[in-house]
PDB file of all heavy atoms in Angstrom:
ATOM      1  N   LEU A   1      -1.622 -13.155   3.698  1.00  0.00           N
ATOM      2  CA  LEU A   1      -0.979 -12.435   2.584  1.00  0.00           C
ATOM      3  C   LEU A   1      -0.195 -11.243   3.110  1.00  0.00           C
ATOM      4  O   LEU A   1      -0.486 -10.103   2.803  1.00  0.00           O
ATOM      5  CB  LEU A   1      -2.045 -11.967   1.583  1.00  0.00           C
ATOM      6  CG  LEU A   1      -2.959 -13.039   1.010  1.00  0.00           C
ATOM      7  CD1 LEU A   1      -4.022 -12.412   0.114  1.00  0.00           C
ATOM      8  CD2 LEU A   1      -2.162 -14.075   0.240  1.00  0.00           C
ATOM      9  N   HIS A   2       0.818 -11.509   3.905  1.00  0.00           N
ATOM     10  CA  HIS A   2       1.621 -10.447   4.522  1.00  0.00           C
ATOM     11  C   HIS A   2       2.345  -9.614   3.482  1.00  0.00           C
ATOM     12  O   HIS A   2       2.904 -10.143   2.529  1.00  0.00           O
ATOM     13  CB  HIS A   2       2.659 -11.025   5.483  1.00  0.00           C
ATOM     14  CG  HIS A   2       2.070 -11.767   6.622  1.00  0.00           C
ATOM     15  ND1 HIS A   2       1.301 -11.167   7.573  1.00  0.00           N
ATOM     16  CD2 HIS A   2       2.140 -13.076   6.958  1.00  0.00           C
ATOM     17  CE1 HIS A   2       0.918 -12.064   8.457  1.00  0.00           C
ATOM     18  NE2 HIS A   2       1.410 -13.238   8.108  1.00  0.00           N
ATOM     19  N   ALA A   3       2.376  -8.326   3.718  1.00  0.00           N
ATOM     20  CA  ALA A   3       3.076  -7.413   2.815  1.00  0.00           C
ATOM     21  C   ALA A   3       4.586  -7.590   2.900  1.00  0.00           C
ATOM     22  O   ALA A   3       5.298  -7.373   1.936  1.00  0.00           O
ATOM     23  CB  ALA A   3       2.697  -5.973   3.124  1.00  0.00           C
ATOM     24  N   ASP A   4       5.069  -7.999   4.055  1.00  0.00           N
ATOM     25  CA  ASP A   4       6.514  -8.101   4.252  1.00  0.00           C
ATOM     26  C   ASP A   4       7.044  -9.525   4.103  1.00  0.00           C
ATOM     27  O   ASP A   4       8.182  -9.793   4.412  1.00  0.00           O
ATOM     28  CB  ASP A   4       6.897  -7.539   5.627  1.00  0.00           C
ATOM     29  CG  ASP A   4       6.198  -8.271   6.763  1.00  0.00           C
ATOM     30  OD1 ASP A   4       5.270  -9.063   6.494  1.00  0.00           O
ATOM     31  OD2 ASP A   4       6.584  -8.048   7.928  1.00  0.00           O
ATOM     32  N   ASP A   5       6.227 -10.420   3.633  1.00  0.00           N
ATOM     33  CA  ASP A   5       6.626 -11.818   3.507  1.00  0.00           C
ATOM     34  C   ASP A   5       7.285 -12.038   2.145  1.00  0.00           C
ATOM     35  O   ASP A   5       6.613 -12.247   1.138  1.00  0.00           O
ATOM     36  CB  ASP A   5       5.410 -12.723   3.671  1.00  0.00           C
ATOM     37  CG  ASP A   5       5.793 -14.181   3.811  1.00  0.00           C
ATOM     38  OD1 ASP A   5       6.950 -14.531   3.505  1.00  0.00           O
ATOM     39  OD2 ASP A   5       4.944 -14.975   4.225  1.00  0.00           O
ATOM     40  N   HIS A   6       8.615 -11.995   2.114  1.00  0.00           N
ATOM     41  CA  HIS A   6       9.350 -12.129   0.860  1.00  0.00           C
ATOM     42  C   HIS A   6       9.222 -13.525   0.258  1.00  0.00           C
ATOM     43  O   HIS A   6       9.294 -13.680  -0.957  1.00  0.00           O
ATOM     44  CB  HIS A   6      10.829 -11.773   1.061  1.00  0.00           C
ATOM     45  CG  HIS A   6      11.018 -10.349   1.477  1.00  0.00           C
ATOM     46  ND1 HIS A   6      10.725  -9.300   0.635  1.00  0.00           N
ATOM     47  CD2 HIS A   6      11.422  -9.799   2.651  1.00  0.00           C
ATOM     48  CE1 HIS A   6      10.958  -8.160   1.264  1.00  0.00           C
ATOM     49  NE2 HIS A   6      11.378  -8.440   2.490  1.00  0.00           N
ATOM     50  N   GLU A   7       9.010 -14.520   1.101  1.00  0.00           N
ATOM     51  CA  GLU A   7       8.835 -15.885   0.605  1.00  0.00           C
ATOM     52  C   GLU A   7       7.594 -15.970  -0.290  1.00  0.00           C
ATOM     53  O   GLU A   7       7.624 -16.582  -1.355  1.00  0.00           O
ATOM     54  CB  GLU A   7       8.693 -16.857   1.776  1.00  0.00           C
ATOM     55  CG  GLU A   7       8.472 -18.292   1.342  1.00  0.00           C
ATOM     56  CD  GLU A   7       8.270 -19.221   2.518  1.00  0.00           C
ATOM     57  OE1 GLU A   7       8.926 -19.017   3.568  1.00  0.00           O
ATOM     58  OE2 GLU A   7       7.453 -20.140   2.382  1.00  0.00           O
ATOM     59  N   HIS A   8       6.520 -15.327   0.129  1.00  0.00           N
ATOM     60  CA  HIS A   8       5.303 -15.318  -0.685  1.00  0.00           C
ATOM     61  C   HIS A   8       5.502 -14.568  -1.993  1.00  0.00           C
ATOM     62  O   HIS A   8       5.017 -14.995  -3.031  1.00  0.00           O
ATOM     63  CB  HIS A   8       4.141 -14.678   0.089  1.00  0.00           C
ATOM     64  CG  HIS A   8       3.299 -15.669   0.813  1.00  0.00           C
ATOM     65  ND1 HIS A   8       2.595 -15.342   1.924  1.00  0.00           N
ATOM     66  CD2 HIS A   8       3.022 -16.968   0.570  1.00  0.00           C
ATOM     67  CE1 HIS A   8       1.934 -16.398   2.346  1.00  0.00           C
ATOM     68  NE2 HIS A   8       2.182 -17.390   1.541  1.00  0.00           N
ATOM     69  N   VAL A   9       6.196 -13.449  -1.939  1.00  0.00           N
ATOM     70  CA  VAL A   9       6.423 -12.648  -3.136  1.00  0.00           C
ATOM     71  C   VAL A   9       7.252 -13.437  -4.143  1.00  0.00           C
ATOM     72  O   VAL A   9       6.983 -13.412  -5.348  1.00  0.00           O
ATOM     73  CB  VAL A   9       7.090 -11.300  -2.794  1.00  0.00           C
ATOM     74  CG1 VAL A   9       7.480 -10.548  -4.054  1.00  0.00           C
ATOM     75  CG2 VAL A   9       6.159 -10.455  -1.939  1.00  0.00           C
ATOM     76  N   ASP A  10       8.248 -14.170  -3.669  1.00  0.00           N
ATOM     77  CA  ASP A  10       9.076 -14.984  -4.555  1.00  0.00           C
ATOM     78  C   ASP A  10       8.297 -16.164  -5.131  1.00  0.00           C
ATOM     79  O   ASP A  10       8.436 -16.503  -6.303  1.00  0.00           O
ATOM     80  CB  ASP A  10      10.311 -15.507  -3.818  1.00  0.00           C
ATOM     81  CG  ASP A  10      11.274 -14.390  -3.446  1.00  0.00           C
ATOM     82  OD1 ASP A  10      11.182 -13.297  -4.057  1.00  0.00           O
ATOM     83  OD2 ASP A  10      12.095 -14.596  -2.535  1.00  0.00           O
ATOM     84  N   LYS A  11       7.455 -16.768  -4.284  1.00  0.00           N
ATOM     85  CA  LYS A  11       6.705 -17.963  -4.691  1.00  0.00           C
ATOM     86  C   LYS A  11       5.525 -17.626  -5.598  1.00  0.00           C
ATOM     87  O   LYS A  11       5.203 -18.381  -6.510  1.00  0.00           O
ATOM     88  CB  LYS A  11       6.216 -18.693  -3.443  1.00  0.00           C
ATOM     89  CG  LYS A  11       5.711 -20.072  -3.700  1.00  0.00           C
ATOM     90  CD  LYS A  11       5.475 -20.806  -2.397  1.00  0.00           C
ATOM     91  CE  LYS A  11       5.080 -22.230  -2.643  1.00  0.00           C
ATOM     92  NZ  LYS A  11       4.897 -22.966  -1.412  1.00  0.00           N
ATOM     93  N   TYR A  12       4.851 -16.518  -5.318  1.00  0.00           N
ATOM     94  CA  TYR A  12       3.670 -16.101  -6.074  1.00  0.00           C
ATOM     95  C   TYR A  12       3.883 -14.664  -6.574  1.00  0.00           C
ATOM     96  O   TYR A  12       3.503 -13.713  -5.904  1.00  0.00           O
ATOM     97  CB  TYR A  12       2.411 -16.135  -5.206  1.00  0.00           C
ATOM     98  CG  TYR A  12       2.279 -17.350  -4.332  1.00  0.00           C
ATOM     99  CD1 TYR A  12       2.431 -17.259  -2.956  1.00  0.00           C
ATOM    100  CD2 TYR A  12       1.997 -18.595  -4.880  1.00  0.00           C
ATOM    101  CE1 TYR A  12       2.304 -18.371  -2.150  1.00  0.00           C
ATOM    102  CE2 TYR A  12       1.867 -19.708  -4.083  1.00  0.00           C
ATOM    103  CZ  TYR A  12       2.032 -19.590  -2.718  1.00  0.00           C
ATOM    104  OH  TYR A  12       1.904 -20.684  -1.917  1.00  0.00           O
ATOM    105  N   PRO A  13       4.468 -14.477  -7.741  1.00  0.00           N
ATOM    106  CA  PRO A  13       4.779 -13.128  -8.224  1.00  0.00           C
ATOM    107  C   PRO A  13       3.552 -12.208  -8.337  1.00  0.00           C
ATOM    108  O   PRO A  13       3.670 -11.005  -8.172  1.00  0.00           O
ATOM    109  CB  PRO A  13       5.390 -13.373  -9.613  1.00  0.00           C
ATOM    110  CG  PRO A  13       5.847 -14.784  -9.592  1.00  0.00           C
ATOM    111  CD  PRO A  13       4.956 -15.515  -8.645  1.00  0.00           C
ATOM    112  N   GLN A  14       2.366 -12.765  -8.591  1.00  0.00           N
ATOM    113  CA  GLN A  14       1.159 -11.942  -8.736  1.00  0.00           C
ATOM    114  C   GLN A  14       0.618 -11.460  -7.400  1.00  0.00           C
ATOM    115  O   GLN A  14      -0.306 -10.655  -7.357  1.00  0.00           O
ATOM    116  CB  GLN A  14       0.042 -12.734  -9.442  1.00  0.00           C
ATOM    117  CG  GLN A  14       0.317 -13.092 -10.857  1.00  0.00           C
ATOM    118  CD  GLN A  14       1.232 -14.309 -10.962  1.00  0.00           C
ATOM    119  OE1 GLN A  14       1.522 -14.982  -9.978  1.00  0.00           O
ATOM    120  NE2 GLN A  14       1.730 -14.568 -12.152  1.00  0.00           N
ATOM    121  N   ILE A  15       1.177 -11.934  -6.304  1.00  0.00           N
ATOM    122  CA  ILE A  15       0.598 -11.647  -4.994  1.00  0.00           C
ATOM    123  C   ILE A  15       0.549 -10.147  -4.693  1.00  0.00           C
ATOM    124  O   ILE A  15      -0.368  -9.681  -4.032  1.00  0.00           O
ATOM    125  CB  ILE A  15       1.329 -12.413  -3.873  1.00  0.00           C
ATOM    126  CG1 ILE A  15       0.431 -12.506  -2.640  1.00  0.00           C
ATOM    127  CG2 ILE A  15       2.656 -11.787  -3.522  1.00  0.00           C
ATOM    128  CD1 ILE A  15       0.886 -13.530  -1.627  1.00  0.00           C
ATOM    129  N   ARG A  16       1.506  -9.386  -5.189  1.00  0.00           N
ATOM    130  CA  ARG A  16       1.493  -7.934  -4.927  1.00  0.00           C
ATOM    131  C   ARG A  16       0.258  -7.283  -5.538  1.00  0.00           C
ATOM    132  O   ARG A  16      -0.394  -6.453  -4.916  1.00  0.00           O
ATOM    133  CB  ARG A  16       2.754  -7.279  -5.468  1.00  0.00           C
ATOM    134  CG  ARG A  16       3.975  -7.662  -4.704  1.00  0.00           C
ATOM    135  CD  ARG A  16       5.200  -7.014  -5.266  1.00  0.00           C
ATOM    136  NE  ARG A  16       6.363  -7.509  -4.536  1.00  0.00           N
ATOM    137  CZ  ARG A  16       7.561  -7.057  -4.693  1.00  0.00           C
ATOM    138  NH1 ARG A  16       7.803  -6.095  -5.546  1.00  0.00           N
ATOM    139  NH2 ARG A  16       8.556  -7.558  -4.010  1.00  0.00           N
ATOM    140  N   PHE A  17      -0.065  -7.655  -6.760  1.00  0.00           N
ATOM    141  CA  PHE A  17      -1.237  -7.090  -7.430  1.00  0.00           C
ATOM    142  C   PHE A  17      -2.518  -7.577  -6.772  1.00  0.00           C
ATOM    143  O   PHE A  17      -3.447  -6.804  -6.540  1.00  0.00           O
ATOM    144  CB  PHE A  17      -1.238  -7.456  -8.915  1.00  0.00           C
ATOM    145  CG  PHE A  17       0.028  -7.076  -9.621  1.00  0.00           C
ATOM    146  CD1 PHE A  17       0.870  -8.050 -10.127  1.00  0.00           C
ATOM    147  CD2 PHE A  17       0.388  -5.740  -9.765  1.00  0.00           C
ATOM    148  CE1 PHE A  17       2.044  -7.707 -10.779  1.00  0.00           C
ATOM    149  CE2 PHE A  17       1.559  -5.385 -10.419  1.00  0.00           C
ATOM    150  CZ  PHE A  17       2.390  -6.372 -10.914  1.00  0.00           C
ATOM    151  N   VAL A  18      -2.549  -8.872  -6.489  1.00  0.00           N
ATOM    152  CA  VAL A  18      -3.740  -9.460  -5.857  1.00  0.00           C
ATOM    153  C   VAL A  18      -3.966  -8.835  -4.484  1.00  0.00           C
ATOM    154  O   VAL A  18      -5.087  -8.442  -4.148  1.00  0.00           O
ATOM    155  CB  VAL A  18      -3.595 -10.995  -5.749  1.00  0.00           C
ATOM    156  CG1 VAL A  18      -4.690 -11.591  -4.878  1.00  0.00           C
ATOM    157  CG2 VAL A  18      -3.602 -11.621  -7.137  1.00  0.00           C
ATOM    158  N   ARG A  19      -2.911  -8.744  -3.704  1.00  0.00           N
ATOM    159  CA  ARG A  19      -3.027  -8.170  -2.358  1.00  0.00           C
ATOM    160  C   ARG A  19      -3.531  -6.726  -2.423  1.00  0.00           C
ATOM    161  O   ARG A  19      -4.411  -6.330  -1.656  1.00  0.00           O
ATOM    162  CB  ARG A  19      -1.683  -8.247  -1.632  1.00  0.00           C
ATOM    163  CG  ARG A  19      -1.750  -7.832  -0.193  1.00  0.00           C
ATOM    164  CD  ARG A  19      -0.447  -8.050   0.561  1.00  0.00           C
ATOM    165  NE  ARG A  19       0.719  -7.684  -0.195  1.00  0.00           N
ATOM    166  CZ  ARG A  19       1.783  -8.470  -0.374  1.00  0.00           C
ATOM    167  NH1 ARG A  19       1.820  -9.651   0.167  1.00  0.00           N
ATOM    168  NH2 ARG A  19       2.810  -8.063  -1.076  1.00  0.00           N
ATOM    169  N   SER A  20      -3.027  -5.961  -3.367  1.00  0.00           N
ATOM    170  CA  SER A  20      -3.473  -4.581  -3.530  1.00  0.00           C
ATOM    171  C   SER A  20      -4.967  -4.524  -3.847  1.00  0.00           C
ATOM    172  O   SER A  20      -5.713  -3.728  -3.258  1.00  0.00           O
ATOM    173  CB  SER A  20      -2.654  -3.911  -4.636  1.00  0.00           C
ATOM    174  OG  SER A  20      -3.166  -2.651  -4.927  1.00  0.00           O
ATOM    175  N   ASP A  21      -5.415  -5.364  -4.769  1.00  0.00           N
ATOM    176  CA  ASP A  21      -6.838  -5.388  -5.124  1.00  0.00           C
ATOM    177  C   ASP A  21      -7.698  -5.880  -3.965  1.00  0.00           C
ATOM    178  O   ASP A  21      -8.793  -5.360  -3.722  1.00  0.00           O
ATOM    179  CB  ASP A  21      -7.070  -6.251  -6.360  1.00  0.00           C
ATOM    180  CG  ASP A  21      -6.586  -5.582  -7.636  1.00  0.00           C
ATOM    181  OD1 ASP A  21      -6.397  -4.339  -7.630  1.00  0.00           O
ATOM    182  OD2 ASP A  21      -6.399  -6.285  -8.639  1.00  0.00           O
ATOM    183  N   LEU A  22      -7.217  -6.877  -3.236  1.00  0.00           N
ATOM    184  CA  LEU A  22      -7.976  -7.376  -2.083  1.00  0.00           C
ATOM    185  C   LEU A  22      -8.076  -6.316  -0.988  1.00  0.00           C
ATOM    186  O   LEU A  22      -9.107  -6.205  -0.321  1.00  0.00           O
ATOM    187  CB  LEU A  22      -7.353  -8.668  -1.552  1.00  0.00           C
ATOM    188  CG  LEU A  22      -7.437  -9.877  -2.482  1.00  0.00           C
ATOM    189  CD1 LEU A  22      -6.738 -11.074  -1.859  1.00  0.00           C
ATOM    190  CD2 LEU A  22      -8.865 -10.206  -2.851  1.00  0.00           C
ATOM    191  N   HIS A  23      -7.009  -5.547  -0.808  1.00  0.00           N
ATOM    192  CA  HIS A  23      -7.060  -4.434   0.152  1.00  0.00           C
ATOM    193  C   HIS A  23      -8.127  -3.424  -0.264  1.00  0.00           C
ATOM    194  O   HIS A  23      -8.847  -2.894   0.584  1.00  0.00           O
ATOM    195  CB  HIS A  23      -5.703  -3.732   0.267  1.00  0.00           C
ATOM    196  CG  HIS A  23      -4.798  -4.330   1.288  1.00  0.00           C
ATOM    197  ND1 HIS A  23      -5.023  -4.251   2.641  1.00  0.00           N
ATOM    198  CD2 HIS A  23      -3.645  -5.040   1.152  1.00  0.00           C
ATOM    199  CE1 HIS A  23      -4.073  -4.868   3.290  1.00  0.00           C
ATOM    200  NE2 HIS A  23      -3.216  -5.364   2.413  1.00  0.00           N
ATOM    201  N   ARG A  24      -8.212  -3.150  -1.543  1.00  0.00           N
ATOM    202  CA  ARG A  24      -9.233  -2.209  -2.032  1.00  0.00           C
ATOM    203  C   ARG A  24     -10.638  -2.746  -1.769  1.00  0.00           C
ATOM    204  O   ARG A  24     -11.538  -1.994  -1.371  1.00  0.00           O
ATOM    205  CB  ARG A  24      -9.029  -1.935  -3.519  1.00  0.00           C
ATOM    206  CG  ARG A  24      -7.794  -1.079  -3.769  1.00  0.00           C
ATOM    207  CD  ARG A  24      -7.444  -0.857  -5.231  1.00  0.00           C
ATOM    208  NE  ARG A  24      -8.561  -0.640  -6.117  1.00  0.00           N
ATOM    209  CZ  ARG A  24      -8.572  -1.036  -7.392  1.00  0.00           C
ATOM    210  NH1 ARG A  24      -7.539  -1.675  -7.905  1.00  0.00           N
ATOM    211  NH2 ARG A  24      -9.609  -0.780  -8.160  1.00  0.00           N
ATOM    212  N   VAL A  25     -10.842  -4.038  -1.973  1.00  0.00           N
ATOM    213  CA  VAL A  25     -12.148  -4.653  -1.703  1.00  0.00           C
ATOM    214  C   VAL A  25     -12.471  -4.525  -0.219  1.00  0.00           C
ATOM    215  O   VAL A  25     -13.570  -4.100   0.160  1.00  0.00           O
ATOM    216  CB  VAL A  25     -12.176  -6.134  -2.150  1.00  0.00           C
ATOM    217  CG1 VAL A  25     -13.425  -6.836  -1.655  1.00  0.00           C
ATOM    218  CG2 VAL A  25     -12.059  -6.238  -3.668  1.00  0.00           C
ATOM    219  N   ALA A  26     -11.517  -4.880   0.626  1.00  0.00           N
ATOM    220  CA  ALA A  26     -11.747  -4.813   2.073  1.00  0.00           C
ATOM    221  C   ALA A  26     -12.014  -3.380   2.534  1.00  0.00           C
ATOM    222  O   ALA A  26     -12.884  -3.143   3.380  1.00  0.00           O
ATOM    223  CB  ALA A  26     -10.550  -5.401   2.828  1.00  0.00           C
ATOM    224  N   LYS A  27     -11.278  -2.436   1.977  1.00  0.00           N
ATOM    225  CA  LYS A  27     -11.443  -1.033   2.380  1.00  0.00           C
ATOM    226  C   LYS A  27     -12.857  -0.531   2.075  1.00  0.00           C
ATOM    227  O   LYS A  27     -13.430   0.227   2.857  1.00  0.00           O
ATOM    228  CB  LYS A  27     -10.411  -0.175   1.652  1.00  0.00           C
ATOM    229  CG  LYS A  27     -10.437   1.282   2.043  1.00  0.00           C
ATOM    230  CD  LYS A  27      -9.367   2.058   1.311  1.00  0.00           C
ATOM    231  CE  LYS A  27      -9.431   3.528   1.677  1.00  0.00           C
ATOM    232  NZ  LYS A  27      -8.436   4.305   0.954  1.00  0.00           N
ATOM    233  N   VAL A  28     -13.419  -0.967   0.952  1.00  0.00           N
ATOM    234  CA  VAL A  28     -14.773  -0.549   0.590  1.00  0.00           C
ATOM    235  C   VAL A  28     -15.819  -1.242   1.459  1.00  0.00           C
ATOM    236  O   VAL A  28     -16.788  -0.620   1.899  1.00  0.00           O
ATOM    237  CB  VAL A  28     -15.043  -0.831  -0.912  1.00  0.00           C
ATOM    238  CG1 VAL A  28     -16.511  -0.653  -1.249  1.00  0.00           C
ATOM    239  CG2 VAL A  28     -14.179   0.066  -1.783  1.00  0.00           C
ATOM    240  N   LEU A  29     -15.632  -2.533   1.743  1.00  0.00           N
ATOM    241  CA  LEU A  29     -16.681  -3.320   2.398  1.00  0.00           C
ATOM    242  C   LEU A  29     -16.644  -3.315   3.926  1.00  0.00           C
ATOM    243  O   LEU A  29     -17.700  -3.402   4.564  1.00  0.00           O
ATOM    244  CB  LEU A  29     -16.635  -4.762   1.898  1.00  0.00           C
ATOM    245  CG  LEU A  29     -16.938  -4.962   0.414  1.00  0.00           C
ATOM    246  CD1 LEU A  29     -16.729  -6.406   0.029  1.00  0.00           C
ATOM    247  CD2 LEU A  29     -18.345  -4.497   0.083  1.00  0.00           C
ATOM    248  N   LYS A  30     -15.473  -3.233   4.518  1.00  0.00           N
ATOM    249  CA  LYS A  30     -15.369  -3.344   5.984  1.00  0.00           C
ATOM    250  C   LYS A  30     -16.234  -2.351   6.764  1.00  0.00           C
ATOM    251  O   LYS A  30     -16.807  -2.737   7.783  1.00  0.00           O
ATOM    252  CB  LYS A  30     -13.911  -3.239   6.432  1.00  0.00           C
ATOM    253  CG  LYS A  30     -13.226  -4.585   6.477  1.00  0.00           C
ATOM    254  CD  LYS A  30     -11.818  -4.478   6.972  1.00  0.00           C
ATOM    255  CE  LYS A  30     -11.780  -4.061   8.414  1.00  0.00           C
ATOM    256  NZ  LYS A  30     -10.437  -4.066   8.972  1.00  0.00           N
ATOM    257  N   PRO A  31     -16.361  -1.103   6.338  1.00  0.00           N
ATOM    258  CA  PRO A  31     -17.195  -0.182   7.117  1.00  0.00           C
ATOM    259  C   PRO A  31     -18.658  -0.617   7.243  1.00  0.00           C
ATOM    260  O   PRO A  31     -19.357  -0.177   8.145  1.00  0.00           O
ATOM    261  CB  PRO A  31     -17.102   1.135   6.336  1.00  0.00           C
ATOM    262  CG  PRO A  31     -15.827   1.042   5.580  1.00  0.00           C
ATOM    263  CD  PRO A  31     -15.662  -0.412   5.257  1.00  0.00           C
ATOM    264  N   TYR A  32     -19.106  -1.517   6.381  1.00  0.00           N
ATOM    265  CA  TYR A  32     -20.488  -1.975   6.410  1.00  0.00           C
ATOM    266  C   TYR A  32     -20.647  -3.288   7.172  1.00  0.00           C
ATOM    267  O   TYR A  32     -21.743  -3.843   7.197  1.00  0.00           O
ATOM    268  CB  TYR A  32     -21.004  -2.149   4.972  1.00  0.00           C
ATOM    269  CG  TYR A  32     -20.917  -0.868   4.195  1.00  0.00           C
ATOM    270  CD1 TYR A  32     -19.806  -0.584   3.410  1.00  0.00           C
ATOM    271  CD2 TYR A  32     -21.910   0.087   4.292  1.00  0.00           C
ATOM    272  CE1 TYR A  32     -19.704   0.610   2.719  1.00  0.00           C
ATOM    273  CE2 TYR A  32     -21.819   1.289   3.612  1.00  0.00           C
ATOM    274  CZ  TYR A  32     -20.717   1.543   2.830  1.00  0.00           C
ATOM    275  OH  TYR A  32     -20.619   2.725   2.165  1.00  0.00           O
ATOM    276  N   CYS A  33     -19.556  -3.749   7.788  1.00  0.00           N
ATOM    277  CA  CYS A  33     -19.563  -5.091   8.370  1.00  0.00           C
ATOM    278  C   CYS A  33     -19.082  -5.130   9.813  1.00  0.00           C
ATOM    279  O   CYS A  33     -18.466  -6.104  10.237  1.00  0.00           O
ATOM    280  CB  CYS A  33     -18.687  -6.007   7.523  1.00  0.00           C
ATOM    281  SG  CYS A  33     -19.247  -6.165   5.829  1.00  0.00           S
ATOM    282  N   SER A  34     -19.345  -4.130  10.582  1.00  0.00           N
ATOM    283  CA  SER A  34     -18.791  -4.063  11.935  1.00  0.00           C
ATOM    284  C   SER A  34     -19.277  -5.175  12.854  1.00  0.00           C
ATOM    285  O   SER A  34     -18.557  -5.587  13.753  1.00  0.00           O
ATOM    286  CB  SER A  34     -19.115  -2.704  12.561  1.00  0.00           C
ATOM    287  OG  SER A  34     -20.520  -2.526  12.610  1.00  0.00           O
ATOM    288  N   ASP A  35     -20.456  -5.709  12.625  1.00  0.00           N
ATOM    289  CA  ASP A  35     -20.998  -6.722  13.532  1.00  0.00           C
ATOM    290  C   ASP A  35     -20.603  -8.148  13.160  1.00  0.00           C
ATOM    291  O   ASP A  35     -20.982  -9.082  13.849  1.00  0.00           O
ATOM    292  CB  ASP A  35     -22.532  -6.633  13.562  1.00  0.00           C
ATOM    293  CG  ASP A  35     -23.014  -5.312  14.124  1.00  0.00           C
ATOM    294  OD1 ASP A  35     -22.250  -4.671  14.874  1.00  0.00           O
ATOM    295  OD2 ASP A  35     -24.157  -4.930  13.811  1.00  0.00           O
ATOM    296  N   SER A  36     -19.855  -8.334  12.093  1.00  0.00           N
ATOM    297  CA  SER A  36     -19.575  -9.682  11.589  1.00  0.00           C
ATOM    298  C   SER A  36     -18.209 -10.225  11.981  1.00  0.00           C
ATOM    299  O   SER A  36     -17.888 -11.356  11.642  1.00  0.00           O
ATOM    300  CB  SER A  36     -19.692  -9.693  10.065  1.00  0.00           C
ATOM    301  OG  SER A  36     -20.983  -9.321   9.677  1.00  0.00           O
ATOM    302  N   ALA A  37     -17.401  -9.446  12.674  1.00  0.00           N
ATOM    303  CA  ALA A  37     -16.026  -9.864  12.972  1.00  0.00           C
ATOM    304  C   ALA A  37     -15.966 -11.171  13.758  1.00  0.00           C
ATOM    305  O   ALA A  37     -15.048 -11.955  13.578  1.00  0.00           O
ATOM    306  CB  ALA A  37     -15.287  -8.766  13.719  1.00  0.00           C
TER     307      ALA A  37
END
């Protein structure tokens, strides 16, 4: 879900909102998951 991928933005208009929400989920959870990469 690249931020700079215009093809995705054109194909999936909701991707900007979804990507923003997914970033928020990752930002909250990643600090608790350092050993799982």
